[in-house]
Amino acid sequence: MKIGLTLVLVSFPFQLNSFVFQMEWGKGFTNPYLSIFFGLTDLFLLLTATLFFVVGKKQHVKIHGGSPLYFLLVLFCLALVLVPLSVSEGDGLFNFFLIIKIFELLLFYLLVVNKILSTQEILRIFVYSMTLQALLALSQLIFQSDLGLQVLGEPQISAENPHLARFSFLSMDILRAYGTFPHPNILGGFLCMSILSTFLIQSRFKHEWTFLFTIQLLGLFATFSRSAILGLSFALILLGFWYFKKLKEKRNLVFMTLIALFLIELSALLFMRGFYFFKDNAFLERLEGYKLSFELFLSHPWGLGFGRYTLMMGEGSGVALMPWEYQPVHNAFLLALVETGTQGFLLAILVLGFSLYSLYKRRNDFLSHRKQLRRQVFFAIVLAFLVLSSFDHYLISLEQGRLLVLLFFSLASLFAYEALPVYKIRTEAPQSKIQVDLE
């Protein structure tokens, strides 16, 4: 089972899948948001989950859902998607495949919280996998093309293709790095999370942290993803003032502050794009997407149905769209509002707010140094997710994004579930009430 979950974690950042089915939508090209793909990640996940339940039943192992409140929120989110799909009169085969995909998320959550692999092992696998992605991204930036690794899911990219993501600077048109992801922003979001996760892994050899941070930061810069860089900047600033200021070695605070300032400067450069920010196509497209989203919501206040935003956007926009323009609104909260209605939007806000509150409220708990660090880094990760969700849609619209969200939500649930009973330290508290965490 450990090997199976390891393969799931290694494979899900890669596009190792095959096209299976697309909803009928009357256009002459493939729409990834209305299509179903199955691949190695699905195979590894289903096999590992099957083995887990079979072995658990034979050995009478108790299967738990992690923190009860976290698990309840997961069930609510999945039910909000699954119930409309199960009674929908739309494309039945598409709904059936999508239900399987959503059910896989629940299996993934259960595998993580039941500690098939330890938190340390999970984070190490994820960080190492994304370090390889960062190396690939740097190579793509240098050569301005793909490396021919389509067998690993690398998209075919080249400087000659006019429809690929670019960054313009000083009259230069630079092809942004994709890694094995559909878009540089998705790679940037994953690297943002892996960089923060690196704080939680225990270094096995000298300079391991330095190597991992350096490669991943360079890989993030190769994506030129403004949302990912901004999210990481906020998270690092929070960690710099919240945690590292408590350390005796001031060099750690200096190191963190320098990184944060550098990221802020780069974020400003990317946002301004040579002082033409309000003429930036990406910015204008997002504004149009926000406007269209509110129009679709007003006409369908109970939601269009999960995954159906692009099916309706052609009607809502009133103009003919190019193939690459069929994509969800670049805001995960607005996407939840349009596809799942007011109830979905409120649930998304509840999940985010609960995650932040449950981690923040334990700031005065008497935890070990390691658990206190984990709590604070998880809080920073949720903050980074908030930024990413405010500027993009892939955390909801794509399977890779959904698995990324479930991965860290599962780890936060496991952290809450494993924590020993703790007490705030008061001078009048009896000695028997003070419990020491020995992790």
Protein backbone atom coordinates (compact mmCIF):
# COMPACT_ATOMS: atom_id res chain seq x y z
CA MET A 1 0.00 0.00 0.00
CA LYS A 2 2.89 2.35 0.72
CA ILE A 3 4.21 1.81 -2.79
CA GLY A 4 0.76 2.47 -4.23
CA LEU A 5 0.26 5.80 -2.43
CA THR A 6 3.82 6.78 -3.31
CA LEU A 7 3.03 6.20 -6.99
CA VAL A 8 -0.13 8.32 -6.64
CA LEU A 9 1.84 11.21 -5.14
CA VAL A 10 4.61 10.95 -7.72
CA SER A 11 2.30 10.68 -10.73
CA PHE A 12 -0.42 13.26 -10.08
CA PRO A 13 1.70 16.32 -11.01
CA PHE A 14 2.33 14.64 -14.39
CA GLN A 15 -0.26 14.40 -17.17
CA LEU A 16 -0.01 10.63 -17.50
CA ASN A 17 -3.54 10.09 -18.77
CA SER A 18 -5.63 9.29 -21.81
CA PHE A 19 -8.75 10.90 -23.21
CA VAL A 20 -11.87 8.81 -22.48
CA PHE A 21 -14.98 10.89 -23.04
CA GLN A 22 -16.22 14.39 -23.81
CA MET A 23 -19.65 15.84 -23.22
CA GLU A 24 -21.50 16.72 -26.41
CA TRP A 25 -21.28 20.49 -26.72
CA GLY A 26 -21.49 21.25 -30.44
CA LYS A 27 -18.00 22.60 -31.02
CA GLY A 28 -15.34 21.17 -33.28
CA PHE A 29 -12.51 20.86 -30.76
CA THR A 30 -11.71 19.18 -27.46
CA ASN A 31 -12.66 21.05 -24.31
CA PRO A 32 -10.56 19.80 -21.36
CA TYR A 33 -13.12 21.13 -18.87
CA LEU A 34 -15.91 19.03 -20.42
CA SER A 35 -13.72 15.97 -20.96
CA ILE A 36 -12.86 12.94 -18.86
CA PHE A 37 -9.29 11.65 -18.69
CA PHE A 38 -8.15 8.50 -16.95
CA GLY A 39 -4.52 7.66 -16.34
CA LEU A 40 -1.91 6.18 -14.07
CA THR A 41 -2.89 8.31 -11.08
CA ASP A 42 -6.45 6.96 -11.24
CA LEU A 43 -5.17 3.39 -11.61
CA PHE A 44 -2.73 3.67 -8.70
CA LEU A 45 -5.33 5.37 -6.51
CA LEU A 46 -8.10 2.83 -7.13
CA LEU A 47 -5.76 -0.16 -6.69
CA THR A 48 -4.26 1.25 -3.49
CA ALA A 49 -7.69 2.07 -2.04
CA THR A 50 -9.01 -1.40 -2.90
CA LEU A 51 -6.02 -3.04 -1.24
CA PHE A 52 -6.38 -0.74 1.77
CA PHE A 53 -10.02 -1.66 2.39
CA VAL A 54 -9.50 -5.39 1.74
CA VAL A 55 -6.50 -5.64 4.07
CA GLY A 56 -8.20 -3.42 6.64
CA LYS A 57 -11.26 -5.68 6.71
CA LYS A 58 -9.20 -8.86 7.05
CA GLN A 59 -7.01 -7.45 9.80
CA HIS A 60 -9.91 -5.62 11.51
CA VAL A 61 -8.13 -2.29 11.19
CA LYS A 62 -10.25 0.68 12.22
CA ILE A 63 -10.55 3.19 9.39
CA HIS A 64 -11.04 6.80 10.50
CA GLY A 65 -11.73 10.06 8.72
CA GLY A 66 -9.19 12.24 10.48
CA SER A 67 -10.55 15.26 12.30
CA PRO A 68 -14.38 14.85 12.45
CA LEU A 69 -15.04 18.45 11.42
CA TYR A 70 -12.59 18.30 8.51
CA PHE A 71 -14.10 15.00 7.36
CA LEU A 72 -17.61 16.43 7.62
CA LEU A 73 -16.63 19.37 5.42
CA VAL A 74 -15.15 17.00 2.84
CA LEU A 75 -18.40 15.01 2.78
CA PHE A 76 -20.47 18.19 2.44
CA CYS A 77 -18.34 19.41 -0.48
CA LEU A 78 -18.52 16.08 -2.28
CA ALA A 79 -22.26 15.77 -1.66
CA LEU A 80 -22.82 19.27 -3.03
CA VAL A 81 -21.28 18.08 -6.31
CA LEU A 82 -22.47 14.47 -6.40
CA VAL A 83 -26.18 14.93 -5.61
CA PRO A 84 -26.91 17.28 -8.56
CA LEU A 85 -24.86 15.04 -10.87
CA SER A 86 -26.76 11.93 -9.85
CA VAL A 87 -30.17 13.46 -10.63
CA SER A 88 -29.12 15.61 -13.60
CA GLU A 89 -30.91 15.07 -16.90
CA GLY A 90 -27.82 16.04 -18.87
CA ASP A 91 -25.21 13.76 -20.39
CA GLY A 92 -25.51 10.64 -18.23
CA LEU A 93 -22.21 9.05 -19.25
CA PHE A 94 -20.28 12.25 -18.53
CA ASN A 95 -21.97 12.50 -15.12
CA PHE A 96 -21.12 8.87 -14.37
CA PHE A 97 -17.43 9.36 -15.12
CA LEU A 98 -17.36 12.62 -13.18
CA ILE A 99 -18.93 10.90 -10.15
CA ILE A 100 -16.09 8.36 -10.25
CA LYS A 101 -13.56 11.21 -10.34
CA ILE A 102 -15.18 12.90 -7.35
CA PHE A 103 -15.34 9.60 -5.46
CA GLU A 104 -11.58 9.21 -6.02
CA LEU A 105 -11.04 12.41 -4.04
CA LEU A 106 -12.70 10.82 -1.01
CA LEU A 107 -10.50 7.74 -1.38
CA PHE A 108 -7.41 9.94 -1.60
CA TYR A 109 -8.41 11.79 1.57
CA LEU A 110 -8.92 8.53 3.48
CA LEU A 111 -5.57 7.10 2.36
CA VAL A 112 -3.74 10.20 3.59
CA VAL A 113 -5.46 10.57 6.97
CA ASN A 114 -5.10 6.86 7.76
CA LYS A 115 -1.32 7.24 7.49
CA ILE A 116 -0.50 4.78 4.75
CA LEU A 117 2.52 7.07 4.59
CA SER A 118 3.62 9.44 7.34
CA THR A 119 3.25 13.19 6.90
CA GLN A 120 7.01 13.45 6.57
CA GLU A 121 7.09 10.83 3.80
CA ILE A 122 4.20 12.44 1.91
CA LEU A 123 5.74 15.90 1.99
CA ARG A 124 9.17 14.60 1.00
CA ILE A 125 7.76 12.75 -2.01
CA PHE A 126 5.80 15.85 -3.07
CA VAL A 127 8.79 18.19 -2.67
CA TYR A 128 11.15 15.88 -4.55
CA SER A 129 8.63 15.45 -7.36
CA MET A 130 8.19 19.21 -7.70
CA THR A 131 11.95 19.76 -7.61
CA LEU A 132 12.14 17.59 -10.73
CA GLN A 133 9.37 19.73 -12.23
CA ALA A 134 11.40 22.85 -11.41
CA LEU A 135 14.46 21.43 -13.19
CA LEU A 136 12.29 20.68 -16.23
CA ALA A 137 10.86 24.20 -16.09
CA LEU A 138 14.33 25.76 -16.06
CA SER A 139 15.32 23.65 -19.07
CA GLN A 140 12.20 24.76 -20.95
CA LEU A 141 12.95 28.40 -20.17
CA ILE A 142 16.56 28.08 -21.36
CA PHE A 143 15.78 26.21 -24.58
CA GLN A 144 12.43 27.96 -25.16
CA SER A 145 10.85 24.64 -26.11
CA ASP A 146 9.84 21.30 -24.66
CA LEU A 147 12.40 18.55 -24.09
CA GLY A 148 10.46 15.86 -25.92
CA LEU A 149 9.26 14.21 -22.70
CA GLN A 150 5.67 13.74 -23.88
CA VAL A 151 5.75 10.25 -22.35
CA LEU A 152 5.78 12.02 -18.96
CA GLY A 153 2.95 14.35 -19.93
CA GLU A 154 5.08 17.28 -21.08
CA PRO A 155 3.06 19.48 -23.46
CA GLN A 156 4.50 20.29 -26.86
CA ILE A 157 5.70 23.88 -26.59
CA SER A 158 7.92 26.01 -28.80
CA ALA A 159 8.67 29.68 -29.31
CA GLU A 160 7.02 29.50 -32.75
CA ASN A 161 3.57 28.68 -31.34
CA PRO A 162 1.72 32.02 -31.00
CA HIS A 163 -0.96 30.71 -28.61
CA LEU A 164 1.33 29.72 -25.73
CA ALA A 165 1.80 31.72 -22.51
CA ARG A 166 4.53 34.34 -22.73
CA PHE A 167 6.09 37.09 -20.67
CA SER A 168 7.03 40.33 -22.40
CA PHE A 169 9.89 42.34 -20.94
CA LEU A 170 12.15 44.97 -22.55
CA SER A 171 10.88 44.11 -26.05
CA MET A 172 11.62 40.42 -25.41
CA ASP A 173 8.93 37.76 -25.76
CA ILE A 174 9.85 34.94 -23.36
CA LEU A 175 8.09 31.57 -23.47
CA ARG A 176 7.02 30.67 -19.94
CA ALA A 177 7.80 27.25 -18.47
CA TYR A 178 5.04 24.62 -18.35
CA GLY A 179 6.75 21.63 -16.76
CA THR A 180 4.30 18.78 -17.38
CA PHE A 181 1.27 20.94 -16.57
CA PRO A 182 -1.36 22.41 -18.92
CA HIS A 183 -0.34 25.99 -18.05
CA PRO A 184 2.55 27.81 -16.32
CA ASN A 185 0.22 29.18 -13.64
CA ILE A 186 -0.63 25.65 -12.52
CA LEU A 187 3.05 24.73 -12.30
CA GLY A 188 3.61 27.96 -10.36
CA GLY A 189 0.86 27.11 -7.88
CA PHE A 190 2.25 23.64 -7.28
CA LEU A 191 5.76 25.04 -6.77
CA CYS A 192 4.39 27.61 -4.33
CA MET A 193 3.00 24.77 -2.21
CA SER A 194 6.10 22.61 -2.50
CA ILE A 195 8.39 25.49 -1.47
CA LEU A 196 6.33 26.01 1.68
CA SER A 197 6.26 22.25 2.28
CA THR A 198 10.06 22.20 2.21
CA PHE A 199 10.06 23.95 5.61
CA LEU A 200 8.45 20.84 7.09
CA ILE A 201 10.76 18.13 5.81
CA GLN A 202 13.76 17.10 7.89
CA SER A 203 17.06 17.59 6.11
CA ARG A 204 18.85 14.30 5.48
CA PHE A 205 22.16 15.70 4.32
CA LYS A 206 24.07 18.96 4.47
CA HIS A 207 22.73 21.75 2.26
CA GLU A 208 19.64 19.71 1.24
CA TRP A 209 17.33 22.60 2.16
CA THR A 210 19.49 25.09 0.26
CA PHE A 211 19.44 22.90 -2.84
CA LEU A 212 15.68 22.28 -2.74
CA PHE A 213 14.77 25.91 -2.06
CA THR A 214 17.10 27.22 -4.77
CA ILE A 215 15.89 24.88 -7.50
CA GLN A 216 12.22 25.35 -6.67
CA LEU A 217 12.47 29.15 -6.45
CA LEU A 218 14.23 29.29 -9.82
CA GLY A 219 11.58 26.98 -11.24
CA LEU A 220 8.86 29.28 -9.90
CA PHE A 221 10.51 32.29 -11.54
CA ALA A 222 10.61 30.35 -14.83
CA THR A 223 6.80 30.19 -14.80
CA PHE A 224 6.41 33.99 -14.43
CA SER A 225 3.20 33.19 -12.55
CA ARG A 226 2.11 36.36 -10.81
CA SER A 227 -0.52 34.68 -8.65
CA ALA A 228 1.91 31.99 -7.42
CA ILE A 229 4.66 34.51 -6.70
CA LEU A 230 2.23 36.76 -4.85
CA GLY A 231 0.84 33.85 -2.84
CA LEU A 232 4.32 32.71 -1.85
CA SER A 233 5.28 36.29 -0.95
CA PHE A 234 2.37 36.64 1.49
CA ALA A 235 3.09 33.24 3.01
CA LEU A 236 6.80 33.98 3.50
CA ILE A 237 6.09 37.37 5.04
CA LEU A 238 3.70 35.73 7.49
CA LEU A 239 6.24 33.06 8.42
CA GLY A 240 8.99 35.64 8.69
CA PHE A 241 7.14 37.73 11.26
CA TRP A 242 5.20 34.94 12.94
CA TYR A 243 7.68 32.16 13.42
CA PHE A 244 11.25 32.97 12.54
CA LYS A 245 11.36 36.10 14.66
CA LYS A 246 11.29 33.78 17.67
CA LEU A 247 14.51 32.03 16.72
CA LYS A 248 17.76 33.04 18.35
CA GLU A 249 19.60 32.87 15.04
CA LYS A 250 18.68 36.15 13.39
CA ARG A 251 20.17 35.01 10.09
CA ASN A 252 17.03 32.92 9.53
CA LEU A 253 14.86 36.02 9.79
CA VAL A 254 17.20 37.94 7.47
CA PHE A 255 17.10 35.09 4.96
CA MET A 256 13.31 34.97 5.00
CA THR A 257 12.95 38.74 4.80
CA LEU A 258 15.28 38.98 1.81
CA ILE A 259 13.36 36.28 -0.02
CA ALA A 260 10.04 37.98 0.75
CA LEU A 261 11.30 41.40 -0.39
CA PHE A 262 12.72 39.90 -3.56
CA LEU A 263 9.44 38.17 -4.31
CA ILE A 264 7.48 41.37 -3.65
CA GLU A 265 9.73 43.27 -6.03
CA LEU A 266 9.35 40.61 -8.69
CA SER A 267 5.58 40.52 -8.13
CA ALA A 268 5.39 44.28 -8.68
CA LEU A 269 7.41 43.93 -11.87
CA LEU A 270 5.18 41.17 -13.17
CA PHE A 271 1.97 42.97 -12.25
CA MET A 272 2.99 46.25 -13.80
CA ARG A 273 4.42 44.69 -16.97
CA GLY A 274 6.17 47.86 -17.92
CA PHE A 275 3.48 50.23 -16.56
CA TYR A 276 0.86 48.83 -18.97
CA PHE A 277 -1.01 46.81 -16.39
CA PHE A 278 -4.48 48.11 -17.33
CA LYS A 279 -3.78 47.29 -20.98
CA ASP A 280 -2.60 43.79 -20.13
CA ASN A 281 -4.65 41.19 -22.02
CA ALA A 282 -4.68 38.77 -19.08
CA PHE A 283 -6.05 41.47 -16.78
CA LEU A 284 -8.74 42.52 -19.26
CA GLU A 285 -9.75 38.90 -19.92
CA ARG A 286 -10.20 38.37 -16.19
CA LEU A 287 -12.45 41.41 -15.93
CA GLU A 288 -14.60 40.07 -18.76
CA GLY A 289 -14.72 36.70 -17.03
CA TYR A 290 -15.90 38.27 -13.78
CA LYS A 291 -18.65 40.14 -15.60
CA LEU A 292 -19.80 37.00 -17.42
CA SER A 293 -19.79 35.02 -14.18
CA PHE A 294 -22.21 37.38 -12.48
CA GLU A 295 -24.48 37.28 -15.53
CA LEU A 296 -24.50 33.47 -15.49
CA PHE A 297 -25.14 33.41 -11.74
CA LEU A 298 -28.11 35.77 -12.01
CA SER A 299 -29.65 33.56 -14.70
CA HIS A 300 -28.85 30.31 -12.80
CA PRO A 301 -28.77 31.18 -9.06
CA TRP A 302 -28.76 27.48 -8.04
CA GLY A 303 -25.76 26.75 -10.22
CA LEU A 304 -25.02 25.52 -13.72
CA GLY A 305 -23.73 22.17 -12.48
CA PHE A 306 -20.19 21.11 -11.68
CA GLY A 307 -17.84 21.40 -14.66
CA ARG A 308 -20.38 23.13 -16.91
CA TYR A 309 -19.13 26.71 -16.91
CA THR A 310 -17.52 26.51 -20.36
CA LEU A 311 -20.64 24.81 -21.73
CA MET A 312 -22.66 27.96 -21.06
CA MET A 313 -20.11 30.72 -21.48
CA GLY A 314 -20.52 30.88 -25.25
CA GLU A 315 -24.19 31.72 -24.81
CA GLY A 316 -23.50 34.20 -22.04
CA SER A 317 -20.77 36.11 -23.85
CA GLY A 318 -22.88 36.72 -26.95
CA VAL A 319 -19.83 36.66 -29.24
CA ALA A 320 -17.94 33.93 -31.06
CA LEU A 321 -15.02 32.67 -28.97
CA MET A 322 -11.75 31.14 -30.07
CA PRO A 323 -10.98 27.60 -28.80
CA TRP A 324 -8.44 28.75 -26.21
CA GLU A 325 -10.92 31.28 -24.80
CA TYR A 326 -13.22 28.54 -23.50
CA GLN A 327 -12.01 28.34 -19.93
CA PRO A 328 -13.60 28.96 -16.52
CA VAL A 329 -13.51 32.31 -14.76
CA HIS A 330 -10.13 32.96 -13.15
CA ASN A 331 -11.45 32.96 -9.61
CA ALA A 332 -12.22 29.72 -7.79
CA PHE A 333 -14.82 31.35 -5.54
CA LEU A 334 -16.72 32.83 -8.47
CA LEU A 335 -16.49 29.49 -10.25
CA ALA A 336 -18.00 27.77 -7.21
CA LEU A 337 -20.75 30.40 -7.15
CA VAL A 338 -21.63 29.92 -10.83
CA GLU A 339 -21.40 26.11 -10.98
CA THR A 340 -22.77 25.13 -7.56
CA GLY A 341 -24.84 28.19 -6.66
CA THR A 342 -24.96 30.27 -3.51
CA GLN A 343 -24.70 27.18 -1.31
CA GLY A 344 -21.46 26.12 -3.00
CA PHE A 345 -19.96 29.57 -2.66
CA LEU A 346 -20.83 29.74 1.04
CA LEU A 347 -19.40 26.25 1.60
CA ALA A 348 -16.15 27.24 -0.11
CA ILE A 349 -15.87 30.28 2.17
CA LEU A 350 -16.70 28.08 5.18
CA VAL A 351 -13.99 25.54 4.32
CA LEU A 352 -11.37 28.26 3.90
CA GLY A 353 -12.44 30.14 7.02
CA PHE A 354 -12.60 26.99 9.13
CA SER A 355 -9.12 25.93 7.99
CA LEU A 356 -7.63 29.28 8.94
CA TYR A 357 -9.49 29.48 12.26
CA SER A 358 -8.74 25.92 13.37
CA LEU A 359 -5.02 26.46 12.77
CA TYR A 360 -4.85 29.98 14.20
CA LYS A 361 -6.79 29.26 17.41
CA ARG A 362 -4.08 26.83 18.56
CA ARG A 363 -1.35 29.47 18.53
CA ASN A 364 -1.13 29.42 22.35
CA ASP A 365 -1.28 25.64 22.71
CA PHE A 366 1.62 23.94 24.43
CA LEU A 367 2.94 22.02 21.41
CA SER A 368 6.38 20.76 20.49
CA HIS A 369 8.61 22.92 18.34
CA ARG A 370 7.95 20.66 15.34
CA LYS A 371 4.17 20.66 15.70
CA GLN A 372 4.09 24.41 16.23
CA LEU A 373 6.09 24.84 13.02
CA ARG A 374 3.72 22.50 11.17
CA ARG A 375 0.70 24.47 12.37
CA GLN A 376 2.17 27.77 11.26
CA VAL A 377 3.33 26.50 7.87
CA PHE A 378 -0.11 24.96 7.25
CA PHE A 379 -1.66 28.34 8.07
CA ALA A 380 0.66 30.00 5.54
CA ILE A 381 -0.25 27.34 2.97
CA VAL A 382 -3.97 28.04 3.43
CA LEU A 383 -3.24 31.75 2.97
CA ALA A 384 -1.37 30.95 -0.25
CA PHE A 385 -4.35 28.87 -1.40
CA LEU A 386 -6.56 31.92 -0.79
CA VAL A 387 -4.38 34.01 -3.10
CA LEU A 388 -4.22 31.33 -5.80
CA SER A 389 -7.99 30.83 -5.64
CA SER A 390 -8.57 34.55 -6.08
CA PHE A 391 -6.69 34.67 -9.39
CA ASP A 392 -7.25 31.27 -11.03
CA HIS A 393 -9.66 28.36 -11.38
CA TYR A 394 -7.55 25.19 -11.64
CA LEU A 395 -7.90 24.31 -7.95
CA ILE A 396 -11.52 23.43 -8.75
CA SER A 397 -11.72 22.93 -12.51
CA LEU A 398 -8.82 20.48 -13.03
CA GLU A 399 -8.15 17.13 -11.39
CA GLN A 400 -4.55 18.06 -10.58
CA GLY A 401 -5.74 21.13 -8.70
CA ARG A 402 -8.42 19.25 -6.78
CA LEU A 403 -5.90 16.62 -5.69
CA LEU A 404 -3.53 19.36 -4.54
CA VAL A 405 -6.25 20.93 -2.37
CA LEU A 406 -7.27 17.54 -0.93
CA LEU A 407 -3.64 16.66 -0.19
CA PHE A 408 -3.08 19.61 2.13
CA PHE A 409 -6.61 19.57 3.54
CA SER A 410 -6.02 15.91 4.45
CA LEU A 411 -2.69 16.73 6.10
CA ALA A 412 -4.32 19.55 8.10
CA SER A 413 -7.08 17.13 9.15
CA LEU A 414 -4.49 14.56 10.21
CA PHE A 415 -2.63 17.21 12.21
CA ALA A 416 -5.84 18.16 14.05
CA TYR A 417 -6.71 14.49 14.63
CA GLU A 418 -3.30 13.49 15.99
CA ALA A 419 -2.80 16.44 18.33
CA LEU A 420 -2.68 15.54 22.02
CA PRO A 421 -5.02 17.34 24.44
CA VAL A 422 -3.32 20.62 25.23
CA TYR A 423 -3.78 23.37 27.78
CA LYS A 424 -2.87 27.01 27.79
CA ILE A 425 -0.06 27.61 30.23
CA ARG A 426 -1.21 29.51 33.33
CA THR A 427 0.76 30.06 36.50
CA GLU A 428 -2.12 28.72 38.58
CA ALA A 429 -2.55 25.55 36.49
CA PRO A 430 -1.79 22.37 38.45
CA GLN A 431 1.16 20.36 37.22
CA SER A 432 -1.08 17.43 36.27
CA LYS A 433 -2.83 19.63 33.71
CA ILE A 434 0.33 20.37 31.73
CA GLN A 435 0.92 17.70 29.09
CA VAL A 436 4.18 17.64 27.21
CA ASP A 437 4.21 16.74 23.52
CA LEU A 438 7.08 14.30 22.99
CA GLU A 439 7.04 14.24 19.18
